[in-house]
Each structure stands twice: as structure tokens, then as C-alpha cells.
Amino acid sequence: MDTAALADQLRQRVAQVRDPELGVPLGELNAVHAVRLRDGCVELYLELIPPVRWIAQQLEQACRLAIAELLPEAPVEIYVREREIPRGSTPPSLSEVKHMLAIASGKGGVGKSTVAANLAVALAQAGATVGLLDADIYGPSAPTLFGLQGMPLHARKDEHGRVIGIPHQRYGVRVASMGFVLQRDQAAILRGPLLAGYFMTLVEQVDWGQLDFLLFDLPPGTGDIHLTLAQKVPLTGVVLVTTPQELALADVRRSAAMFHRVNVAVLGIVENMSYFTCSRCGHREFPFGESGGERLAEELQTVLLGQLPLDPLLQRASDEGIPAVEHPAGAHMRALFAELARCVVREIRRHYARTAAPPPEIQL
């Protein structure tokens, strides 16, 4: 068999390998860029839907097994690159950010900021470069959650004399917040246009650099900051955080409707404070009701990304300025948030596979 025919057979074998997250053969995804035979070595070039960090090793192993069916002794070199995903107009400060996620709730008091902070650190623990923008101008929480209270946002001037903020780096996450600008007990007394202006300052005048993920921890509600974000930033999607009771679910429904109207994909639901486990007997209670997040996900035709417990460690760690996933007693939380991070990345890839989303449009 000549080299070209053998390479074609190898390509057909690899094209039948299924992407482990998407469940679709690589051939249908147009992911097999090239197969070459060089000096007895098989060179396989793949172009995969991003982010690929979590599935690259598993997928490479499956491809090696497929190649070994024809050439069991041949050495194999696999080269993986991420497919470019088209997106709308992006502020220059975010030009090197690959995936931008909003974390929203609609309802205050559901633990959204705690979830956002721990999710950001969990992504960093998995090897990603991550930023967190605390977009709650009135009630910034990132300084407390990351142990950065009272620390100002350092700055430099660019070549045009414009002041550029330098985010703090803590637990592998770059963090910017209005809380680094205001005094600890100072209130931000702002109305709509000013509010949006302050928010965009954190977006446009902070040196975010190269990031795999930038998380926007949004304030409760569906106000000026949410609309400004949807207009100005090409979001990958939004993760909605709720607690199981109907009072919280009603506000999350409104939040989901708002993001739908501005053409931002809902990647899934996180049910926080889902249950409480007795430290003595291990009995599980559901103080806010059961399966509310699951019902909401079904209603919104999205997925339940995870169910997080009502755990005293989250409160204790937050007060200490240590994300629970970094706390010495937080092994169980690390496992939960690692799985949550994996599920969020899976849904990003599924979203990209379904459609290259157009830039958000405001429909009033």
C-alpha cells in the first residue's frame, strides 16, 4: 500500500474517534486537519473546538489506539491546536482573553460571588490562566473573598499617558474590583450612566493580558451593568447561580430572560446551598427545598452544572480571605468545584459546537 493510501486509511480511522465531551466523531467536527507519514512516524494534526485542556489527553489516547489498529508499531506524534471562534467587537484590553463568562443570579444572597471566586480558582488549579472582574460596584466582595481588603489597585501609564490598572494576583487569579478603588467603608453613590462608566473602566483600563478565562461577577438584578456588558463585551455565555427555593428561582428566570433577549447563551445552572450534611451522622437535609435548580434547568432547556452544599467552611474560608478550594480543610470543596469547572468548560465547548454566536444585540 502506498503512503498516500495508508495516510487516507489512518485519517478515516481517526475521523471515527468521538470527542469525549461532545459525543460527535472527529470527522463530523472537521477536526482532523492532516495525517502525514514521515520516516515511519505518523504525524496527526487536530484542530479542536476550545477549550481543549480538559480532554486533550483522553482524546489523544483514543487517536493513538485508532492508529495502532493499522500500524501497531509506528511511533505517533499528535499536534493539537484550538479552532478560532469568531466573535464580535472586543475592547482592546480583552483582545487576548479567550473565553469571557458572566456569573449572574438575579437574586442577592444566593452565594453567587463565593461561587464565582471558587470557580475562578478551580479553573486556575486546573492549569488555566484566569481573571475575575468584580462588577458589583455597590457591594464589591472580591477584596474580602481573596484576602485583599485595603489593598489599592496599582497602576501605570501607557504610551498615550492613560492610566492602566494592574490587577492583583491571588491564588492564581488576576482580580480587579471597585473595592480596590474605594475606601473600605466608602459607598459608591452612582446612577445609571456613571455606574456603567465605572464598570467599563474596570474592563477597558485594566491590564488583563493573556487569559484563558475572564469571569464577570455581576451584581444582583438585571440593570445597567448587565446591559452594558452584553453590549460591549462578546460574552461566551452566562452561568446562573440560584438556591433551590422558588423565591430565588423566580429572579433567576428573569435574569435568564434578559440574557436571552441580548443573545447571550445560558451555559447552565449552579444550585448553591442545595443541601446540608450533618457533621455527626452524615444525614442530608434540604433546608431550602429540593431539586429547584434541576427543575429550572429543565424549564430553561439548559443543564444543571452542579449542586453545592450549605457548608460552614464556605463562610469561614470567605471571612478568612481564602477561597474554600484553597483552604487546608477544603478537600471536599476542591473536588466539587473541580467538577463544576469541568462541566462549565464542557458546556462552553458544546455551545461553540452548536453555533458561532453573533455579537449580542439589545432588543427593547
Protein backbone atom coordinates (compact mmCIF):
# COMPACT_ATOMS: atom_id res chain seq x y z
CA MET A 1 0.00 0.00 0.00
CA ASP A 2 1.41 3.39 -0.96
CA THR A 3 1.93 6.17 1.56
CA ALA A 4 -1.00 8.32 0.39
CA ALA A 5 -3.48 5.43 0.60
CA LEU A 6 -2.22 4.44 4.06
CA ALA A 7 -2.48 8.03 5.28
CA ASP A 8 -6.06 8.17 3.96
CA GLN A 9 -6.96 4.97 5.84
CA LEU A 10 -5.45 6.37 9.02
CA ARG A 11 -7.44 9.57 8.55
CA GLN A 12 -10.65 7.56 8.20
CA ARG A 13 -9.89 5.62 11.39
CA VAL A 14 -9.16 8.79 13.38
CA ALA A 15 -12.25 10.50 11.94
CA GLN A 16 -14.38 7.85 13.67
CA VAL A 17 -12.97 8.69 17.13
CA ARG A 18 -15.58 10.53 19.16
CA ASP A 19 -14.91 13.73 21.04
CA PRO A 20 -15.42 12.58 24.67
CA GLU A 21 -17.37 15.70 25.69
CA LEU A 22 -19.34 16.41 22.54
CA GLY A 23 -20.06 12.77 21.67
CA VAL A 24 -19.50 13.53 17.97
CA PRO A 25 -16.94 11.85 15.67
CA LEU A 26 -13.92 14.00 14.87
CA GLY A 27 -14.73 13.68 11.18
CA GLU A 28 -18.12 15.37 11.65
CA LEU A 29 -16.39 18.15 13.59
CA ASN A 30 -13.87 18.66 10.77
CA ALA A 31 -11.24 18.21 13.46
CA VAL A 32 -8.78 16.00 11.54
CA HIS A 33 -6.63 18.64 9.87
CA ALA A 34 -3.99 16.32 8.39
CA VAL A 35 -2.36 12.88 8.65
CA ARG A 36 1.20 12.53 7.40
CA LEU A 37 3.66 9.64 7.28
CA ARG A 38 7.25 10.74 7.68
CA ASP A 39 10.21 8.39 8.15
CA GLY A 40 7.97 5.67 9.57
CA CYS A 41 6.32 8.06 12.03
CA VAL A 42 2.63 9.01 11.94
CA GLU A 43 2.00 12.73 12.35
CA LEU A 44 -1.58 13.62 13.26
CA TYR A 45 -2.76 17.23 13.22
CA LEU A 46 -6.00 18.01 15.04
CA GLU A 47 -7.98 21.24 15.19
CA LEU A 48 -10.37 21.02 18.14
CA ILE A 49 -13.18 23.17 19.49
CA PRO A 50 -11.82 25.06 22.52
CA PRO A 51 -11.09 24.84 25.37
CA VAL A 52 -9.24 21.53 24.91
CA ARG A 53 -7.17 21.36 28.10
CA TRP A 54 -9.56 19.01 29.88
CA ILE A 55 -10.00 16.50 27.06
CA ALA A 56 -6.72 16.65 25.10
CA GLN A 57 -5.03 13.74 26.87
CA GLN A 58 -8.08 11.47 26.70
CA LEU A 59 -8.65 12.29 23.04
CA GLU A 60 -5.00 11.79 22.12
CA GLN A 61 -5.06 8.34 23.72
CA ALA A 62 -8.17 7.38 21.72
CA CYS A 63 -6.50 8.55 18.50
CA ARG A 64 -3.35 6.53 19.27
CA LEU A 65 -5.47 3.41 19.74
CA ALA A 66 -7.22 4.02 16.42
CA ILE A 67 -3.87 4.42 14.62
CA ALA A 68 -2.46 1.31 16.34
CA GLU A 69 -5.21 -0.80 14.72
CA LEU A 70 -3.41 -0.27 11.40
CA LEU A 71 0.17 0.46 12.48
CA PRO A 72 0.70 -1.07 15.93
CA GLU A 73 4.46 -0.47 15.99
CA ALA A 74 4.62 3.01 14.45
CA PRO A 75 5.56 5.99 16.64
CA VAL A 76 2.83 8.64 16.68
CA GLU A 77 3.18 12.40 17.08
CA ILE A 78 -0.06 14.32 17.71
CA TYR A 79 -0.26 18.08 17.29
CA VAL A 80 -3.33 19.84 18.68
CA ARG A 81 -4.44 23.39 18.07
CA GLU A 82 -7.61 25.15 19.11
CA ARG A 83 -10.05 26.29 16.46
CA GLU A 84 -10.52 30.02 16.13
CA ILE A 85 -14.01 31.01 17.25
CA PRO A 86 -15.41 34.15 15.56
CA ARG A 87 -16.68 36.78 17.94
CA GLY A 88 -17.90 40.34 17.92
CA SER A 89 -16.09 43.58 18.55
CA THR A 90 -13.83 43.30 21.59
CA PRO A 91 -12.32 46.08 23.74
CA PRO A 92 -8.53 46.19 23.16
CA SER A 93 -7.93 45.36 26.83
CA LEU A 94 -9.68 42.00 26.30
CA SER A 95 -8.17 41.12 22.94
CA GLU A 96 -6.04 38.35 24.46
CA VAL A 97 -8.83 36.83 26.55
CA LYS A 98 -10.13 33.60 25.03
CA HIS A 99 -13.39 32.99 26.92
CA MET A 100 -15.48 35.55 28.82
CA LEU A 101 -18.12 34.29 31.24
CA ALA A 102 -20.75 36.19 33.18
CA ILE A 103 -21.68 34.80 36.60
CA ALA A 104 -25.15 36.07 37.48
CA SER A 105 -28.06 35.32 39.75
CA GLY A 106 -30.80 37.91 39.56
CA LYS A 107 -31.24 37.43 43.31
CA GLY A 108 -28.92 38.69 46.02
CA GLY A 109 -27.85 36.44 48.87
CA VAL A 110 -27.55 33.18 46.91
CA GLY A 111 -23.75 32.97 47.22
CA LYS A 112 -23.01 33.98 43.64
CA SER A 113 -19.77 35.82 44.44
CA THR A 114 -18.50 32.93 46.54
CA VAL A 115 -19.27 30.55 43.68
CA ALA A 116 -17.58 32.88 41.16
CA ALA A 117 -14.42 33.21 43.27
CA ASN A 118 -14.07 29.48 43.90
CA LEU A 119 -14.85 28.62 40.28
CA ALA A 120 -12.13 31.04 39.15
CA VAL A 121 -9.58 29.44 41.50
CA ALA A 122 -10.69 25.93 40.46
CA LEU A 123 -10.04 26.81 36.81
CA ALA A 124 -6.62 28.15 37.79
CA GLN A 125 -5.87 24.99 39.78
CA ALA A 126 -6.54 23.03 36.58
CA GLY A 127 -3.81 24.99 34.83
CA ALA A 128 -5.79 27.76 33.12
CA THR A 129 -4.92 31.45 33.24
CA VAL A 130 -7.89 33.17 34.88
CA GLY A 131 -9.12 36.66 35.73
CA LEU A 132 -12.06 37.77 37.88
CA LEU A 133 -13.71 41.16 37.41
CA ASP A 134 -15.87 42.07 40.40
CA ALA A 135 -18.60 44.02 38.61
CA ASP A 136 -20.68 44.78 41.73
CA ILE A 137 -19.85 48.47 42.04
CA TYR A 138 -22.16 49.00 45.04
CA GLY A 139 -21.16 45.91 47.01
CA PRO A 140 -17.76 44.61 45.88
CA SER A 141 -16.87 41.33 47.55
CA ALA A 142 -13.70 40.16 45.77
CA PRO A 143 -11.36 42.05 48.18
CA THR A 144 -12.84 40.09 51.11
CA LEU A 145 -13.05 36.73 49.32
CA PHE A 146 -9.41 36.92 48.20
CA GLY A 147 -7.99 38.50 51.37
CA LEU A 148 -7.17 41.76 49.60
CA GLN A 149 -9.04 44.26 51.81
CA GLY A 150 -7.43 47.68 51.97
CA MET A 151 -5.07 46.98 49.09
CA PRO A 152 -5.21 49.66 46.36
CA LEU A 153 -5.22 48.88 42.67
CA HIS A 154 -1.74 49.68 41.40
CA ALA A 155 -1.45 51.47 38.09
CA ARG A 156 0.91 52.59 35.36
CA LYS A 157 0.66 54.93 32.40
CA ASP A 158 0.65 53.66 28.85
CA GLU A 159 2.37 55.30 25.88
CA HIS A 160 -0.59 57.68 25.49
CA GLY A 161 -0.46 58.79 29.12
CA ARG A 162 -3.61 56.85 30.05
CA VAL A 163 -3.72 55.26 33.49
CA ILE A 164 -3.88 51.45 33.31
CA GLY A 165 -4.74 49.40 36.38
CA ILE A 166 -2.76 46.29 37.26
CA PRO A 167 -4.95 43.52 38.70
CA HIS A 168 -3.95 41.84 41.93
CA GLN A 169 -2.78 38.24 41.60
CA ARG A 170 -4.01 35.87 44.31
CA TYR A 171 -4.44 32.08 44.30
CA GLY A 172 -3.59 32.04 40.59
CA VAL A 173 -6.34 34.53 39.66
CA ARG A 174 -5.99 38.12 38.45
CA VAL A 175 -8.54 40.18 40.36
CA ALA A 176 -9.88 43.70 39.77
CA SER A 177 -12.66 45.31 41.79
CA MET A 178 -14.15 48.68 42.60
CA GLY A 179 -13.34 47.69 46.17
CA PHE A 180 -9.66 48.39 45.41
CA VAL A 181 -10.52 51.98 44.46
CA LEU A 182 -12.99 52.91 47.22
CA GLN A 183 -12.12 53.13 50.90
CA ARG A 184 -13.30 50.12 52.89
CA ASP A 185 -16.47 51.77 54.26
CA GLN A 186 -16.97 54.25 51.41
CA ALA A 187 -20.14 53.89 49.39
CA ALA A 188 -20.31 54.21 45.62
CA ILE A 189 -23.16 56.71 45.11
CA LEU A 190 -23.77 56.45 41.39
CA ARG A 191 -26.65 56.49 38.94
CA GLY A 192 -27.03 54.55 35.72
CA PRO A 193 -24.60 56.22 33.24
CA LEU A 194 -21.93 56.73 35.90
CA LEU A 195 -22.38 53.17 37.09
CA ALA A 196 -21.82 51.80 33.60
CA GLY A 197 -18.83 54.13 33.18
CA TYR A 198 -17.12 52.86 36.30
CA PHE A 199 -17.73 49.30 35.20
CA MET A 200 -16.24 49.90 31.75
CA THR A 201 -13.19 51.48 33.40
CA LEU A 202 -12.52 48.11 35.05
CA VAL A 203 -12.95 46.46 31.65
CA GLU A 204 -11.02 48.86 29.44
CA GLN A 205 -8.40 50.36 31.74
CA VAL A 206 -7.11 47.23 33.45
CA ASP A 207 -4.20 45.26 32.00
CA TRP A 208 -5.81 41.82 31.81
CA GLY A 209 -3.17 40.39 29.47
CA GLN A 210 -3.43 36.86 28.12
CA LEU A 211 -6.19 34.83 29.80
CA ASP A 212 -7.96 31.58 29.11
CA PHE A 213 -10.98 32.74 31.12
CA LEU A 214 -12.25 36.06 32.42
CA LEU A 215 -15.19 35.78 34.84
CA PHE A 216 -17.50 38.75 35.38
CA ASP A 217 -19.08 38.55 38.85
CA LEU A 218 -22.25 40.55 38.19
CA PRO A 219 -24.39 42.37 40.77
CA PRO A 220 -27.90 41.13 41.54
CA GLY A 221 -30.70 42.19 39.22
CA THR A 222 -30.81 42.98 35.51
CA GLY A 223 -29.64 46.58 35.37
CA ASP A 224 -27.24 48.93 33.63
CA ILE A 225 -24.10 46.87 34.21
CA HIS A 226 -25.67 43.73 32.72
CA LEU A 227 -26.82 45.58 29.60
CA THR A 228 -23.51 47.40 29.23
CA LEU A 229 -21.62 44.12 29.49
CA ALA A 230 -23.82 42.48 26.85
CA GLN A 231 -23.37 45.46 24.51
CA LYS A 232 -19.65 46.00 24.93
CA VAL A 233 -18.17 42.54 25.57
CA PRO A 234 -18.55 39.42 23.37
CA LEU A 235 -19.53 37.05 26.15
CA THR A 236 -19.08 33.33 25.66
CA GLY A 237 -22.09 32.79 27.88
CA VAL A 238 -23.53 33.16 31.37
CA VAL A 239 -23.63 30.80 34.34
CA LEU A 240 -26.69 31.38 36.56
CA VAL A 241 -26.44 30.76 40.31
CA THR A 242 -29.53 30.07 42.39
CA THR A 243 -30.69 28.46 45.60
CA PRO A 244 -33.44 25.82 45.42
CA GLN A 245 -36.38 27.84 46.77
CA GLU A 246 -38.97 29.39 44.44
CA LEU A 247 -38.22 32.95 45.59
CA ALA A 248 -34.71 32.72 44.15
CA LEU A 249 -35.77 30.74 41.09
CA ALA A 250 -38.23 33.47 40.05
CA ASP A 251 -35.45 36.07 39.90
CA VAL A 252 -33.13 33.73 38.01
CA ARG A 253 -35.88 33.19 35.44
CA ARG A 254 -35.98 36.95 34.87
CA SER A 255 -32.20 37.05 34.61
CA ALA A 256 -32.23 34.21 32.07
CA ALA A 257 -34.91 36.04 30.05
CA MET A 258 -32.78 39.18 29.98
CA PHE A 259 -29.70 37.34 28.73
CA HIS A 260 -31.83 35.59 26.12
CA ARG A 261 -33.05 38.95 24.84
CA VAL A 262 -29.49 40.22 24.43
CA ASN A 263 -28.41 36.99 22.71
CA VAL A 264 -26.11 35.67 25.43
CA ALA A 265 -26.17 31.89 25.87
CA VAL A 266 -27.12 30.43 29.25
CA LEU A 267 -24.49 27.74 29.76
CA GLY A 268 -26.18 26.23 32.78
CA ILE A 269 -27.44 26.50 36.34
CA VAL A 270 -25.48 26.15 39.59
CA GLU A 271 -27.68 25.27 42.55
CA ASN A 272 -25.95 26.67 45.64
CA MET A 273 -26.92 25.84 49.25
CA SER A 274 -28.51 22.76 47.78
CA TYR A 275 -28.26 20.64 50.91
CA PHE A 276 -26.75 20.46 54.37
CA THR A 277 -24.92 17.38 55.63
CA CYS A 278 -24.85 16.75 59.40
CA SER A 279 -21.23 16.57 60.56
CA ARG A 280 -22.11 13.94 63.19
CA CYS A 281 -24.38 11.46 61.43
CA GLY A 282 -23.97 12.34 57.75
CA HIS A 283 -27.72 12.82 57.24
CA ARG A 284 -28.51 15.17 54.37
CA GLU A 285 -31.18 17.87 54.81
CA PHE A 286 -32.63 20.25 52.21
CA PRO A 287 -33.35 23.48 54.13
CA PHE A 288 -34.35 25.48 51.03
CA GLY A 289 -36.24 22.76 49.21
CA GLU A 290 -35.09 20.05 46.87
CA SER A 291 -34.30 19.95 43.12
CA GLY A 292 -35.26 23.56 42.39
CA GLY A 293 -32.17 24.08 40.23
CA GLU A 294 -32.81 20.87 38.34
CA ARG A 295 -36.40 21.89 37.55
CA LEU A 296 -35.25 25.34 36.47
CA ALA A 297 -32.57 23.91 34.17
CA GLU A 298 -35.18 21.72 32.51
CA GLU A 299 -37.55 24.66 32.18
CA LEU A 300 -34.85 26.85 30.58
CA GLN A 301 -33.66 23.97 28.36
CA THR A 302 -30.17 24.13 29.78
CA VAL A 303 -28.13 21.91 32.13
CA LEU A 304 -27.65 21.69 35.87
CA LEU A 305 -23.91 22.26 36.19
CA GLY A 306 -23.66 21.34 39.85
CA GLN A 307 -25.24 21.27 43.30
CA LEU A 308 -23.16 22.83 46.05
CA PRO A 309 -23.78 22.27 49.76
CA LEU A 310 -24.58 24.72 52.51
CA ASP A 311 -21.20 24.26 54.16
CA PRO A 312 -19.79 26.18 57.16
CA LEU A 313 -16.36 26.06 55.52
CA LEU A 314 -17.52 28.40 52.76
CA GLN A 315 -18.44 31.06 55.33
CA ARG A 316 -15.31 30.52 57.42
CA ALA A 317 -12.95 30.49 54.47
CA SER A 318 -14.57 33.58 52.93
CA ASP A 319 -14.21 35.52 56.18
CA GLU A 320 -10.56 34.47 56.33
CA GLY A 321 -9.98 35.69 52.78
CA ILE A 322 -9.18 32.19 51.50
CA PRO A 323 -11.32 30.59 48.78
CA ALA A 324 -12.67 27.30 50.13
CA VAL A 325 -10.92 25.38 47.34
CA GLU A 326 -7.58 26.64 48.71
CA HIS A 327 -8.41 26.13 52.39
CA PRO A 328 -6.49 23.39 54.25
CA ALA A 329 -9.81 21.82 55.24
CA GLY A 330 -11.33 22.21 51.78
CA ALA A 331 -10.55 18.92 50.01
CA HIS A 332 -14.26 18.16 49.55
CA MET A 333 -14.89 21.66 48.16
CA ARG A 334 -11.92 21.33 45.79
CA ALA A 335 -13.46 18.17 44.36
CA LEU A 336 -16.89 19.79 43.93
CA PHE A 337 -15.54 22.92 42.24
CA ALA A 338 -13.12 20.94 40.07
CA GLU A 339 -16.12 19.04 38.73
CA LEU A 340 -18.06 22.30 38.33
CA ALA A 341 -15.16 23.80 36.36
CA ARG A 342 -15.06 20.72 34.13
CA CYS A 343 -18.80 20.97 33.48
CA VAL A 344 -18.59 24.69 32.65
CA VAL A 345 -15.79 24.03 30.15
CA ARG A 346 -17.81 21.17 28.63
CA GLU A 347 -20.78 23.48 28.10
CA ILE A 348 -18.56 26.15 26.54
CA ARG A 349 -17.37 23.58 24.01
CA ARG A 350 -20.93 22.39 23.36
CA HIS A 351 -22.02 25.99 22.82
CA TYR A 352 -19.20 26.60 20.34
CA ALA A 353 -20.03 23.35 18.57
CA ARG A 354 -23.68 24.36 18.15
CA THR A 355 -23.05 27.81 16.79
CA ALA A 356 -20.54 30.59 16.40
CA ALA A 357 -22.56 33.13 18.33
CA PRO A 358 -23.13 36.54 16.70
CA PRO A 359 -22.43 39.67 18.72
CA PRO A 360 -25.14 40.41 21.31
CA GLU A 361 -27.93 42.71 20.21
CA ILE A 362 -30.12 44.69 22.59
CA GLN A 363 -33.82 44.23 21.88
CA LEU A 364 -36.02 46.66 23.77
